[in-house]
Amino acid sequence: MANYRDRRVAQEIQKEVNQILRKRVRDPRVQEVTITDVRVTGDLQQATIYYSILSDLASEKQKAQQGLEKATGLIRRELGQVLTLYKTPELTFELDESVEYGNKIDEMLRNLHKD
């Protein structure tokens, strides 16, 4: 049953973090950030939050990462107030590379159809 619970908690964290980023975090570096996935450990002590950003510039991605790291305490506190868990998980943010990978595959398919 823990397998189902960690997925439900991950979905709830994803929903709440997106709302917190939109409503509570005023840092301009994280305005374009979208949470794409959340992975929670089996004991619900750690959560890895994957995000994507619209910009392709490496400097923008780095600024977004810094903004998220700076806002981690606020996000975790807000999550603790919303979620009904014994202990709020430790949060780590990682850039989701799957969006870029998908765009690369789409471009290759378009080029294949052109030829």
PDB file of N, CA and C in Angstrom:
ATOM      1  N   MET A   1       0.803  -1.191   0.000  1.00  0.00           N
ATOM      2  CA  MET A   1       0.000   0.000   0.000  1.00  0.00           C
ATOM      3  C   MET A   1       0.851   1.262   0.000  1.00  0.00           C
ATOM      4  N   ALA A   2       2.058   1.214   0.514  1.00  0.00           N
ATOM      5  CA  ALA A   2       2.919   2.394   0.536  1.00  0.00           C
ATOM      6  C   ALA A   2       3.222   2.867  -0.873  1.00  0.00           C
ATOM      7  N   ASN A   3       3.201   1.938  -1.811  1.00  0.00           N
ATOM      8  CA  ASN A   3       3.468   2.292  -3.202  1.00  0.00           C
ATOM      9  C   ASN A   3       2.422   3.264  -3.730  1.00  0.00           C
ATOM     10  N   TYR A   4       1.168   3.039  -3.372  1.00  0.00           N
ATOM     11  CA  TYR A   4       0.109   3.950  -3.809  1.00  0.00           C
ATOM     12  C   TYR A   4       0.190   5.282  -3.077  1.00  0.00           C
ATOM     13  N   ARG A   5       0.522   5.217  -1.816  1.00  0.00           N
ATOM     14  CA  ARG A   5       0.540   6.432  -1.015  1.00  0.00           C
ATOM     15  C   ARG A   5       1.606   7.401  -1.494  1.00  0.00           C
ATOM     16  N   ASP A   6       2.804   6.900  -1.824  1.00  0.00           N
ATOM     17  CA  ASP A   6       3.850   7.826  -2.251  1.00  0.00           C
ATOM     18  C   ASP A   6       3.492   8.493  -3.582  1.00  0.00           C
ATOM     19  N   ARG A   7       2.767   7.790  -4.448  1.00  0.00           N
ATOM     20  CA  ARG A   7       2.323   8.421  -5.701  1.00  0.00           C
ATOM     21  C   ARG A   7       1.277   9.495  -5.434  1.00  0.00           C
ATOM     22  N   ARG A   8       0.373   9.219  -4.520  1.00  0.00           N
ATOM     23  CA  ARG A   8      -0.647  10.223  -4.183  1.00  0.00           C
ATOM     24  C   ARG A   8      -0.012  11.448  -3.538  1.00  0.00           C
ATOM     25  N   VAL A   9       0.936  11.227  -2.646  1.00  0.00           N
ATOM     26  CA  VAL A   9       1.632  12.338  -1.992  1.00  0.00           C
ATOM     27  C   VAL A   9       2.418  13.135  -3.030  1.00  0.00           C
ATOM     28  N   ALA A  10       3.058  12.449  -3.975  1.00  0.00           N
ATOM     29  CA  ALA A  10       3.816  13.134  -5.020  1.00  0.00           C
ATOM     30  C   ALA A  10       2.903  14.003  -5.873  1.00  0.00           C
ATOM     31  N   GLN A  11       1.725  13.496  -6.221  1.00  0.00           N
ATOM     32  CA  GLN A  11       0.775  14.301  -7.003  1.00  0.00           C
ATOM     33  C   GLN A  11       0.309  15.523  -6.219  1.00  0.00           C
ATOM     34  N   GLU A  12       0.068  15.333  -4.959  1.00  0.00           N
ATOM     35  CA  GLU A  12      -0.386  16.447  -4.122  1.00  0.00           C
ATOM     36  C   GLU A  12       0.723  17.497  -3.983  1.00  0.00           C
ATOM     37  N   ILE A  13       1.968  17.039  -3.810  1.00  0.00           N
ATOM     38  CA  ILE A  13       3.090  17.972  -3.718  1.00  0.00           C
ATOM     39  C   ILE A  13       3.228  18.754  -5.016  1.00  0.00           C
ATOM     40  N   GLN A  14       3.100  18.082  -6.154  1.00  0.00           N
ATOM     41  CA  GLN A  14       3.217  18.756  -7.447  1.00  0.00           C
ATOM     42  C   GLN A  14       2.159  19.854  -7.582  1.00  0.00           C
ATOM     43  N   LYS A  15       0.937  19.531  -7.241  1.00  0.00           N
ATOM     44  CA  LYS A  15      -0.155  20.500  -7.339  1.00  0.00           C
ATOM     45  C   LYS A  15       0.091  21.691  -6.421  1.00  0.00           C
ATOM     46  N   GLU A  16       0.456  21.417  -5.182  1.00  0.00           N
ATOM     47  CA  GLU A  16       0.632  22.484  -4.203  1.00  0.00           C
ATOM     48  C   GLU A  16       1.849  23.353  -4.512  1.00  0.00           C
ATOM     49  N   VAL A  17       2.959  22.746  -4.949  1.00  0.00           N
ATOM     50  CA  VAL A  17       4.155  23.534  -5.253  1.00  0.00           C
ATOM     51  C   VAL A  17       3.886  24.461  -6.441  1.00  0.00           C
ATOM     52  N   ASN A  18       3.160  23.979  -7.444  1.00  0.00           N
ATOM     53  CA  ASN A  18       2.786  24.860  -8.561  1.00  0.00           C
ATOM     54  C   ASN A  18       1.982  26.054  -8.051  1.00  0.00           C
ATOM     55  N   GLN A  19       1.035  25.821  -7.154  1.00  0.00           N
ATOM     56  CA  GLN A  19       0.246  26.919  -6.604  1.00  0.00           C
ATOM     57  C   GLN A  19       1.092  27.863  -5.760  1.00  0.00           C
ATOM     58  N   ILE A  20       1.985  27.315  -4.969  1.00  0.00           N
ATOM     59  CA  ILE A  20       2.847  28.147  -4.128  1.00  0.00           C
ATOM     60  C   ILE A  20       3.746  29.015  -4.993  1.00  0.00           C
ATOM     61  N   LEU A  21       4.303  28.441  -6.055  1.00  0.00           N
ATOM     62  CA  LEU A  21       5.168  29.222  -6.941  1.00  0.00           C
ATOM     63  C   LEU A  21       4.401  30.366  -7.594  1.00  0.00           C
ATOM     64  N   ARG A  22       3.154  30.148  -7.930  1.00  0.00           N
ATOM     65  CA  ARG A  22       2.351  31.182  -8.596  1.00  0.00           C
ATOM     66  C   ARG A  22       1.885  32.267  -7.631  1.00  0.00           C
ATOM     67  N   LYS A  23       1.498  31.865  -6.403  1.00  0.00           N
ATOM     68  CA  LYS A  23       0.840  32.810  -5.503  1.00  0.00           C
ATOM     69  C   LYS A  23       1.734  33.396  -4.423  1.00  0.00           C
ATOM     70  N   ARG A  24       2.693  32.634  -3.917  1.00  0.00           N
ATOM     71  CA  ARG A  24       3.442  33.074  -2.740  1.00  0.00           C
ATOM     72  C   ARG A  24       4.870  33.505  -3.035  1.00  0.00           C
ATOM     73  N   VAL A  25       5.535  32.893  -4.007  1.00  0.00           N
ATOM     74  CA  VAL A  25       6.934  33.209  -4.287  1.00  0.00           C
ATOM     75  C   VAL A  25       6.969  34.404  -5.237  1.00  0.00           C
ATOM     76  N   ARG A  26       7.604  35.467  -4.805  1.00  0.00           N
ATOM     77  CA  ARG A  26       7.640  36.683  -5.608  1.00  0.00           C
ATOM     78  C   ARG A  26       8.972  36.871  -6.336  1.00  0.00           C
ATOM     79  N   ASP A  27       9.806  35.881  -6.316  1.00  0.00           N
ATOM     80  CA  ASP A  27      11.113  35.951  -6.974  1.00  0.00           C
ATOM     81  C   ASP A  27      10.922  35.902  -8.493  1.00  0.00           C
ATOM     82  N   PRO A  28      11.389  36.908  -9.234  1.00  0.00           N
ATOM     83  CA  PRO A  28      11.195  36.915 -10.698  1.00  0.00           C
ATOM     84  C   PRO A  28      11.929  35.780 -11.409  1.00  0.00           C
ATOM     85  N   ARG A  29      12.907  35.183 -10.747  1.00  0.00           N
ATOM     86  CA  ARG A  29      13.652  34.091 -11.381  1.00  0.00           C
ATOM     87  C   ARG A  29      12.818  32.833 -11.539  1.00  0.00           C
ATOM     88  N   VAL A  30      11.769  32.680 -10.760  1.00  0.00           N
ATOM     89  CA  VAL A  30      10.973  31.451 -10.813  1.00  0.00           C
ATOM     90  C   VAL A  30       9.596  31.658 -11.431  1.00  0.00           C
ATOM     91  N   GLN A  31       9.376  32.785 -12.082  1.00  0.00           N
ATOM     92  CA  GLN A  31       8.064  33.068 -12.658  1.00  0.00           C
ATOM     93  C   GLN A  31       7.717  32.134 -13.818  1.00  0.00           C
ATOM     94  N   GLU A  32       8.697  31.719 -14.598  1.00  0.00           N
ATOM     95  CA  GLU A  32       8.442  30.865 -15.758  1.00  0.00           C
ATOM     96  C   GLU A  32       8.620  29.382 -15.461  1.00  0.00           C
ATOM     97  N   VAL A  33       8.815  29.025 -14.205  1.00  0.00           N
ATOM     98  CA  VAL A  33       9.071  27.640 -13.823  1.00  0.00           C
ATOM     99  C   VAL A  33       7.752  26.878 -13.733  1.00  0.00           C
ATOM    100  N   THR A  34       7.750  25.674 -14.314  1.00  0.00           N
ATOM    101  CA  THR A  34       6.598  24.784 -14.219  1.00  0.00           C
ATOM    102  C   THR A  34       7.067  23.453 -13.646  1.00  0.00           C
ATOM    103  N   ILE A  35       6.359  22.947 -12.656  1.00  0.00           N
ATOM    104  CA  ILE A  35       6.702  21.661 -12.051  1.00  0.00           C
ATOM    105  C   ILE A  35       6.147  20.564 -12.951  1.00  0.00           C
ATOM    106  N   THR A  36       7.026  19.666 -13.404  1.00  0.00           N
ATOM    107  CA  THR A  36       6.613  18.618 -14.327  1.00  0.00           C
ATOM    108  C   THR A  36       6.428  17.269 -13.645  1.00  0.00           C
ATOM    109  N   ASP A  37       7.190  17.004 -12.581  1.00  0.00           N
ATOM    110  CA  ASP A  37       7.103  15.698 -11.928  1.00  0.00           C
ATOM    111  C   ASP A  37       7.656  15.802 -10.512  1.00  0.00           C
ATOM    112  N   VAL A  38       7.199  14.918  -9.660  1.00  0.00           N
ATOM    113  CA  VAL A  38       7.709  14.829  -8.294  1.00  0.00           C
ATOM    114  C   VAL A  38       7.930  13.359  -7.986  1.00  0.00           C
ATOM    115  N   ARG A  39       9.090  13.044  -7.438  1.00  0.00           N
ATOM    116  CA  ARG A  39       9.399  11.685  -6.989  1.00  0.00           C
ATOM    117  C   ARG A  39       9.648  11.738  -5.494  1.00  0.00           C
ATOM    118  N   VAL A  40       8.941  10.879  -4.780  1.00  0.00           N
ATOM    119  CA  VAL A  40       9.038  10.839  -3.322  1.00  0.00           C
ATOM    120  C   VAL A  40       9.609   9.486  -2.919  1.00  0.00           C
ATOM    121  N   THR A  41      10.502   9.493  -1.939  1.00  0.00           N
ATOM    122  CA  THR A  41      11.039   8.230  -1.438  1.00  0.00           C
ATOM    123  C   THR A  41       9.939   7.467  -0.716  1.00  0.00           C
ATOM    124  N   GLY A  42      10.144   6.175  -0.522  1.00  0.00           N
ATOM    125  CA  GLY A  42       9.136   5.318   0.086  1.00  0.00           C
ATOM    126  C   GLY A  42       8.747   5.728   1.495  1.00  0.00           C
ATOM    127  N   ASP A  43       9.693   6.302   2.245  1.00  0.00           N
ATOM    128  CA  ASP A  43       9.375   6.730   3.606  1.00  0.00           C
ATOM    129  C   ASP A  43       8.861   8.171   3.668  1.00  0.00           C
ATOM    130  N   LEU A  44       8.682   8.793   2.517  1.00  0.00           N
ATOM    131  CA  LEU A  44       8.137  10.151   2.386  1.00  0.00           C
ATOM    132  C   LEU A  44       9.009  11.202   3.069  1.00  0.00           C
ATOM    133  N   GLN A  45      10.305  10.941   3.204  1.00  0.00           N
ATOM    134  CA  GLN A  45      11.201  11.885   3.860  1.00  0.00           C
ATOM    135  C   GLN A  45      11.863  12.853   2.887  1.00  0.00           C
ATOM    136  N   GLN A  46      11.973  12.451   1.612  1.00  0.00           N
ATOM    137  CA  GLN A  46      12.631  13.290   0.612  1.00  0.00           C
ATOM    138  C   GLN A  46      11.793  13.322  -0.653  1.00  0.00           C
ATOM    139  N   ALA A  47      11.757  14.500  -1.265  1.00  0.00           N
ATOM    140  CA  ALA A  47      11.024  14.667  -2.516  1.00  0.00           C
ATOM    141  C   ALA A  47      11.929  15.375  -3.513  1.00  0.00           C
ATOM    142  N   THR A  48      12.060  14.789  -4.692  1.00  0.00           N
ATOM    143  CA  THR A  48      12.787  15.415  -5.775  1.00  0.00           C
ATOM    144  C   THR A  48      11.756  16.008  -6.717  1.00  0.00           C
ATOM    145  N   ILE A  49      11.849  17.312  -6.921  1.00  0.00           N
ATOM    146  CA  ILE A  49      10.880  18.032  -7.732  1.00  0.00           C
ATOM    147  C   ILE A  49      11.550  18.397  -9.049  1.00  0.00           C
ATOM    148  N   TYR A  50      10.981  17.906 -10.145  1.00  0.00           N
ATOM    149  CA  TYR A  50      11.508  18.189 -11.472  1.00  0.00           C
ATOM    150  C   TYR A  50      10.732  19.349 -12.067  1.00  0.00           C
ATOM    151  N   TYR A  51      11.460  20.296 -12.644  1.00  0.00           N
ATOM    152  CA  TYR A  51      10.823  21.474 -13.210  1.00  0.00           C
ATOM    153  C   TYR A  51      11.338  21.724 -14.614  1.00  0.00           C
ATOM    154  N   SER A  52      10.559  22.477 -15.380  1.00  0.00           N
ATOM    155  CA  SER A  52      10.998  22.907 -16.703  1.00  0.00           C
ATOM    156  C   SER A  52      10.842  24.417 -16.778  1.00  0.00           C
ATOM    157  N   ILE A  53      11.572  25.004 -17.711  1.00  0.00           N
ATOM    158  CA  ILE A  53      11.527  26.442 -17.915  1.00  0.00           C
ATOM    159  C   ILE A  53      11.449  26.684 -19.414  1.00  0.00           C
ATOM    160  N   LEU A  54      10.737  27.724 -19.808  1.00  0.00           N
ATOM    161  CA  LEU A  54      10.510  27.978 -21.223  1.00  0.00           C
ATOM    162  C   LEU A  54      11.771  28.404 -21.961  1.00  0.00           C
ATOM    163  N   SER A  55      12.655  29.081 -21.287  1.00  0.00           N
ATOM    164  CA  SER A  55      13.860  29.600 -21.930  1.00  0.00           C
ATOM    165  C   SER A  55      14.873  28.484 -22.195  1.00  0.00           C
ATOM    166  N   ASP A  56      15.596  28.597 -23.303  1.00  0.00           N
ATOM    167  CA  ASP A  56      16.649  27.643 -23.624  1.00  0.00           C
ATOM    168  C   ASP A  56      18.021  28.122 -23.164  1.00  0.00           C
ATOM    169  N   LEU A  57      18.108  29.337 -22.673  1.00  0.00           N
ATOM    170  CA  LEU A  57      19.392  29.893 -22.260  1.00  0.00           C
ATOM    171  C   LEU A  57      19.874  29.241 -20.965  1.00  0.00           C
ATOM    172  N   ALA A  58      21.159  28.896 -20.947  1.00  0.00           N
ATOM    173  CA  ALA A  58      21.737  28.253 -19.761  1.00  0.00           C
ATOM    174  C   ALA A  58      21.728  29.213 -18.572  1.00  0.00           C
ATOM    175  N   SER A  59      21.918  30.504 -18.832  1.00  0.00           N
ATOM    176  CA  SER A  59      21.928  31.472 -17.731  1.00  0.00           C
ATOM    177  C   SER A  59      20.547  31.571 -17.081  1.00  0.00           C
ATOM    178  N   GLU A  60      19.484  31.492 -17.869  1.00  0.00           N
ATOM    179  CA  GLU A  60      18.128  31.527 -17.316  1.00  0.00           C
ATOM    180  C   GLU A  60      17.853  30.282 -16.478  1.00  0.00           C
ATOM    181  N   LYS A  61      18.328  29.131 -16.946  1.00  0.00           N
ATOM    182  CA  LYS A  61      18.144  27.894 -16.189  1.00  0.00           C
ATOM    183  C   LYS A  61      18.879  27.951 -14.863  1.00  0.00           C
ATOM    184  N   GLN A  62      20.079  28.529 -14.884  1.00  0.00           N
ATOM    185  CA  GLN A  62      20.863  28.645 -13.660  1.00  0.00           C
ATOM    186  C   GLN A  62      20.188  29.611 -12.682  1.00  0.00           C
ATOM    187  N   LYS A  63      19.668  30.713 -13.200  1.00  0.00           N
ATOM    188  CA  LYS A  63      18.966  31.670 -12.339  1.00  0.00           C
ATOM    189  C   LYS A  63      17.715  31.037 -11.730  1.00  0.00           C
ATOM    190  N   ALA A  64      16.984  30.244 -12.514  1.00  0.00           N
ATOM    191  CA  ALA A  64      15.796  29.573 -12.003  1.00  0.00           C
ATOM    192  C   ALA A  64      16.174  28.598 -10.892  1.00  0.00           C
ATOM    193  N   GLN A  65      17.270  27.854 -11.083  1.00  0.00           N
ATOM    194  CA  GLN A  65      17.726  26.906 -10.054  1.00  0.00           C
ATOM    195  C   GLN A  65      18.084  27.654  -8.774  1.00  0.00           C
ATOM    196  N   GLN A  66      18.786  28.779  -8.915  1.00  0.00           N
ATOM    197  CA  GLN A  66      19.145  29.564  -7.733  1.00  0.00           C
ATOM    198  C   GLN A  66      17.905  30.113  -7.033  1.00  0.00           C
ATOM    199  N   GLY A  67      16.940  30.572  -7.806  1.00  0.00           N
ATOM    200  CA  GLY A  67      15.703  31.089  -7.224  1.00  0.00           C
ATOM    201  C   GLY A  67      14.929  30.008  -6.482  1.00  0.00           C
ATOM    202  N   LEU A  68      14.888  28.804  -7.058  1.00  0.00           N
ATOM    203  CA  LEU A  68      14.190  27.700  -6.396  1.00  0.00           C
ATOM    204  C   LEU A  68      14.905  27.286  -5.118  1.00  0.00           C
ATOM    205  N   GLU A  69      16.232  27.245  -5.155  1.00  0.00           N
ATOM    206  CA  GLU A  69      16.982  26.883  -3.953  1.00  0.00           C
ATOM    207  C   GLU A  69      16.769  27.919  -2.856  1.00  0.00           C
ATOM    208  N   LYS A  70      16.680  29.175  -3.243  1.00  0.00           N
ATOM    209  CA  LYS A  70      16.455  30.243  -2.267  1.00  0.00           C
ATOM    210  C   LYS A  70      15.051  30.151  -1.659  1.00  0.00           C
ATOM    211  N   ALA A  71      14.073  29.726  -2.457  1.00  0.00           N
ATOM    212  CA  ALA A  71      12.684  29.662  -2.001  1.00  0.00           C
ATOM    213  C   ALA A  71      12.317  28.323  -1.373  1.00  0.00           C
ATOM    214  N   THR A  72      13.256  27.401  -1.264  1.00  0.00           N
ATOM    215  CA  THR A  72      12.957  26.063  -0.750  1.00  0.00           C
ATOM    216  C   THR A  72      12.351  26.108   0.646  1.00  0.00           C
ATOM    217  N   GLY A  73      12.871  26.940   1.519  1.00  0.00           N
ATOM    218  CA  GLY A  73      12.346  27.034   2.880  1.00  0.00           C
ATOM    219  C   GLY A  73      10.899  27.492   2.909  1.00  0.00           C
ATOM    220  N   LEU A  74      10.588  28.514   2.135  1.00  0.00           N
ATOM    221  CA  LEU A  74       9.214  29.008   2.059  1.00  0.00           C
ATOM    222  C   LEU A  74       8.281  27.946   1.496  1.00  0.00           C
ATOM    223  N   ILE A  75       8.714  27.292   0.425  1.00  0.00           N
ATOM    224  CA  ILE A  75       7.885  26.258  -0.210  1.00  0.00           C
ATOM    225  C   ILE A  75       7.630  25.112   0.766  1.00  0.00           C
ATOM    226  N   ARG A  76       8.668  24.696   1.474  1.00  0.00           N
ATOM    227  CA  ARG A  76       8.525  23.587   2.416  1.00  0.00           C
ATOM    228  C   ARG A  76       7.592  23.958   3.570  1.00  0.00           C
ATOM    229  N   ARG A  77       7.707  25.191   4.061  1.00  0.00           N
ATOM    230  CA  ARG A  77       6.839  25.635   5.144  1.00  0.00           C
ATOM    231  C   ARG A  77       5.376  25.659   4.693  1.00  0.00           C
ATOM    232  N   GLU A  78       5.143  26.187   3.494  1.00  0.00           N
ATOM    233  CA  GLU A  78       3.776  26.239   2.965  1.00  0.00           C
ATOM    234  C   GLU A  78       3.227  24.828   2.741  1.00  0.00           C
ATOM    235  N   LEU A  79       4.079  23.926   2.242  1.00  0.00           N
ATOM    236  CA  LEU A  79       3.656  22.535   2.056  1.00  0.00           C
ATOM    237  C   LEU A  79       3.278  21.902   3.394  1.00  0.00           C
ATOM    238  N   GLY A  80       4.060  22.176   4.411  1.00  0.00           N
ATOM    239  CA  GLY A  80       3.785  21.624   5.729  1.00  0.00           C
ATOM    240  C   GLY A  80       2.444  22.060   6.280  1.00  0.00           C
ATOM    241  N   GLN A  81       2.022  23.270   5.944  1.00  0.00           N
ATOM    242  CA  GLN A  81       0.729  23.761   6.418  1.00  0.00           C
ATOM    243  C   GLN A  81      -0.431  23.126   5.657  1.00  0.00           C
ATOM    244  N   VAL A  82      -0.198  22.767   4.377  1.00  0.00           N
ATOM    245  CA  VAL A  82      -1.270  22.242   3.537  1.00  0.00           C
ATOM    246  C   VAL A  82      -1.388  20.724   3.648  1.00  0.00           C
ATOM    247  N   LEU A  83      -0.258  20.032   3.616  1.00  0.00           N
ATOM    248  CA  LEU A  83      -0.273  18.569   3.643  1.00  0.00           C
ATOM    249  C   LEU A  83      -0.478  18.056   5.066  1.00  0.00           C
ATOM    250  N   THR A  84      -1.144  16.932   5.163  1.00  0.00           N
ATOM    251  CA  THR A  84      -1.352  16.321   6.472  1.00  0.00           C
ATOM    252  C   THR A  84      -0.396  15.143   6.633  1.00  0.00           C
ATOM    253  N   LEU A  85       0.871  15.469   6.695  1.00  0.00           N
ATOM    254  CA  LEU A  85       1.911  14.456   6.898  1.00  0.00           C
ATOM    255  C   LEU A  85       2.576  14.690   8.240  1.00  0.00           C
ATOM    256  N   TYR A  86       3.114  13.620   8.809  1.00  0.00           N
ATOM    257  CA  TYR A  86       3.811  13.733  10.086  1.00  0.00           C
ATOM    258  C   TYR A  86       5.024  14.637   9.957  1.00  0.00           C
ATOM    259  N   LYS A  87       5.778  14.454   8.875  1.00  0.00           N
ATOM    260  CA  LYS A  87       6.972  15.257   8.637  1.00  0.00           C
ATOM    261  C   LYS A  87       6.970  15.699   7.180  1.00  0.00           C
ATOM    262  N   THR A  88       7.193  16.975   6.953  1.00  0.00           N
ATOM    263  CA  THR A  88       7.247  17.500   5.589  1.00  0.00           C
ATOM    264  C   THR A  88       8.553  17.051   4.945  1.00  0.00           C
ATOM    265  N   PRO A  89       8.498  16.511   3.723  1.00  0.00           N
ATOM    266  CA  PRO A  89       9.716  16.003   3.088  1.00  0.00           C
ATOM    267  C   PRO A  89      10.734  17.104   2.772  1.00  0.00           C
ATOM    268  N   GLU A  90      11.997  16.708   2.766  1.00  0.00           N
ATOM    269  CA  GLU A  90      13.068  17.590   2.311  1.00  0.00           C
ATOM    270  C   GLU A  90      12.918  17.740   0.802  1.00  0.00           C
ATOM    271  N   LEU A  91      13.067  18.954   0.292  1.00  0.00           N
ATOM    272  CA  LEU A  91      12.846  19.207  -1.125  1.00  0.00           C
ATOM    273  C   LEU A  91      14.165  19.455  -1.844  1.00  0.00           C
ATOM    274  N   THR A  92      14.310  18.824  -3.007  1.00  0.00           N
ATOM    275  CA  THR A  92      15.418  19.127  -3.914  1.00  0.00           C
ATOM    276  C   THR A  92      14.824  19.366  -5.293  1.00  0.00           C
ATOM    277  N   PHE A  93      15.346  20.362  -5.972  1.00  0.00           N
ATOM    278  CA  PHE A  93      14.848  20.731  -7.294  1.00  0.00           C
ATOM    279  C   PHE A  93      15.866  20.328  -8.357  1.00  0.00           C
ATOM    280  N   GLU A  94      15.369  19.703  -9.428  1.00  0.00           N
ATOM    281  CA  GLU A  94      16.217  19.311 -10.551  1.00  0.00           C
ATOM    282  C   GLU A  94      15.538  19.700 -11.851  1.00  0.00           C
ATOM    283  N   LEU A  95      16.348  20.139 -12.801  1.00  0.00           N
ATOM    284  CA  LEU A  95      15.835  20.506 -14.116  1.00  0.00           C
ATOM    285  C   LEU A  95      15.402  19.252 -14.859  1.00  0.00           C
ATOM    286  N   ASP A  96      14.216  19.289 -15.446  1.00  0.00           N
ATOM    287  CA  ASP A  96      13.677  18.147 -16.181  1.00  0.00           C
ATOM    288  C   ASP A  96      14.199  18.200 -17.618  1.00  0.00           C
ATOM    289  N   GLU A  97      15.036  17.256 -17.964  1.00  0.00           N
ATOM    290  CA  GLU A  97      15.635  17.218 -19.301  1.00  0.00           C
ATOM    291  C   GLU A  97      14.723  16.557 -20.328  1.00  0.00           C
ATOM    292  N   SER A  98      13.637  15.950 -19.900  1.00  0.00           N
ATOM    293  CA  SER A  98      12.780  15.216 -20.827  1.00  0.00           C
ATOM    294  C   SER A  98      12.078  16.138 -21.820  1.00  0.00           C
ATOM    295  N   VAL A  99      11.823  17.385 -21.428  1.00  0.00           N
ATOM    296  CA  VAL A  99      11.166  18.327 -22.330  1.00  0.00           C
ATOM    297  C   VAL A  99      12.085  18.635 -23.507  1.00  0.00           C
ATOM    298  N   GLU A 100      13.360  18.904 -23.212  1.00  0.00           N
ATOM    299  CA  GLU A 100      14.328  19.163 -24.286  1.00  0.00           C
ATOM    300  C   GLU A 100      14.499  17.921 -25.163  1.00  0.00           C
ATOM    301  N   TYR A 101      14.528  16.763 -24.545  1.00  0.00           N
ATOM    302  CA  TYR A 101      14.677  15.519 -25.294  1.00  0.00           C
ATOM    303  C   TYR A 101      13.493  15.307 -26.232  1.00  0.00           C
ATOM    304  N   GLY A 102      12.297  15.582 -25.757  1.00  0.00           N
ATOM    305  CA  GLY A 102      11.103  15.455 -26.585  1.00  0.00           C
ATOM    306  C   GLY A 102      11.119  16.429 -27.752  1.00  0.00           C
ATOM    307  N   ASN A 103      11.580  17.655 -27.508  1.00  0.00           N
ATOM    308  CA  ASN A 103      11.687  18.630 -28.591  1.00  0.00           C
ATOM    309  C   ASN A 103      12.704  18.180 -29.642  1.00  0.00           C
ATOM    310  N   LYS A 104      13.784  17.576 -29.187  1.00  0.00           N
ATOM    311  CA  LYS A 104      14.804  17.081 -30.112  1.00  0.00           C
ATOM    312  C   LYS A 104      14.237  15.953 -30.980  1.00  0.00           C
ATOM    313  N   ILE A 105      13.484  15.050 -30.394  1.00  0.00           N
ATOM    314  CA  ILE A 105      12.863  13.953 -31.141  1.00  0.00           C
ATOM    315  C   ILE A 105      11.861  14.506 -32.158  1.00  0.00           C
ATOM    316  N   ASP A 106      11.054  15.484 -31.753  1.00  0.00           N
ATOM    317  CA  ASP A 106      10.097  16.103 -32.677  1.00  0.00           C
ATOM    318  C   ASP A 106      10.802  16.733 -33.865  1.00  0.00           C
ATOM    319  N   GLU A 107      11.889  17.432 -33.597  1.00  0.00           N
ATOM    320  CA  GLU A 107      12.660  18.063 -34.680  1.00  0.00           C
ATOM    321  C   GLU A 107      13.227  17.015 -35.632  1.00  0.00           C
ATOM    322  N   MET A 108      13.711  15.917 -35.095  1.00  0.00           N
ATOM    323  CA  MET A 108      14.257  14.841 -35.948  1.00  0.00           C
ATOM    324  C   MET A 108      13.143  14.224 -36.804  1.00  0.00           C
ATOM    325  N   LEU A 109      11.958  14.059 -36.226  1.00  0.00           N
ATOM    326  CA  LEU A 109      10.827  13.505 -36.999  1.00  0.00           C
ATOM    327  C   LEU A 109      10.391  14.470 -38.102  1.00  0.00           C
ATOM    328  N   ARG A 110      10.378  15.761 -37.805  1.00  0.00           N
ATOM    329  CA  ARG A 110      10.018  16.751 -38.826  1.00  0.00           C
ATOM    330  C   ARG A 110      11.019  16.735 -39.967  1.00  0.00           C
ATOM    331  N   ASN A 111      12.301  16.639 -39.641  1.00  0.00           N
ATOM    332  CA  ASN A 111      13.338  16.585 -40.670  1.00  0.00           C
ATOM    333  C   ASN A 111      13.230  15.300 -41.503  1.00  0.00           C
ATOM    334  N   LEU A 112      12.841  14.221 -40.867  1.00  0.00           N
ATOM    335  CA  LEU A 112      12.683  12.950 -41.570  1.00  0.00           C
ATOM    336  C   LEU A 112      11.538  13.032 -42.581  1.00  0.00           C
ATOM    337  N   HIS A 113      10.437  13.669 -42.178  1.00  0.00           N
ATOM    338  CA  HIS A 113       9.289  13.806 -43.068  1.00  0.00           C
ATOM    339  C   HIS A 113       9.561  14.795 -44.196  1.00  0.00           C
ATOM    340  N   LYS A 114      10.439  15.760 -43.972  1.00  0.00           N
ATOM    341  CA  LYS A 114      10.795  16.713 -45.015  1.00  0.00           C
ATOM    342  C   LYS A 114      11.535  16.037 -46.161  1.00  0.00           C
ATOM    343  N   ASP A 115      12.399  15.115 -45.798  1.00  0.00           N
ATOM    344  CA  ASP A 115      13.239  14.421 -46.816  1.00  0.00           C
ATOM    345  C   ASP A 115      12.488  13.371 -47.541  1.00  0.00           C
TER     346      ASP A 115
END
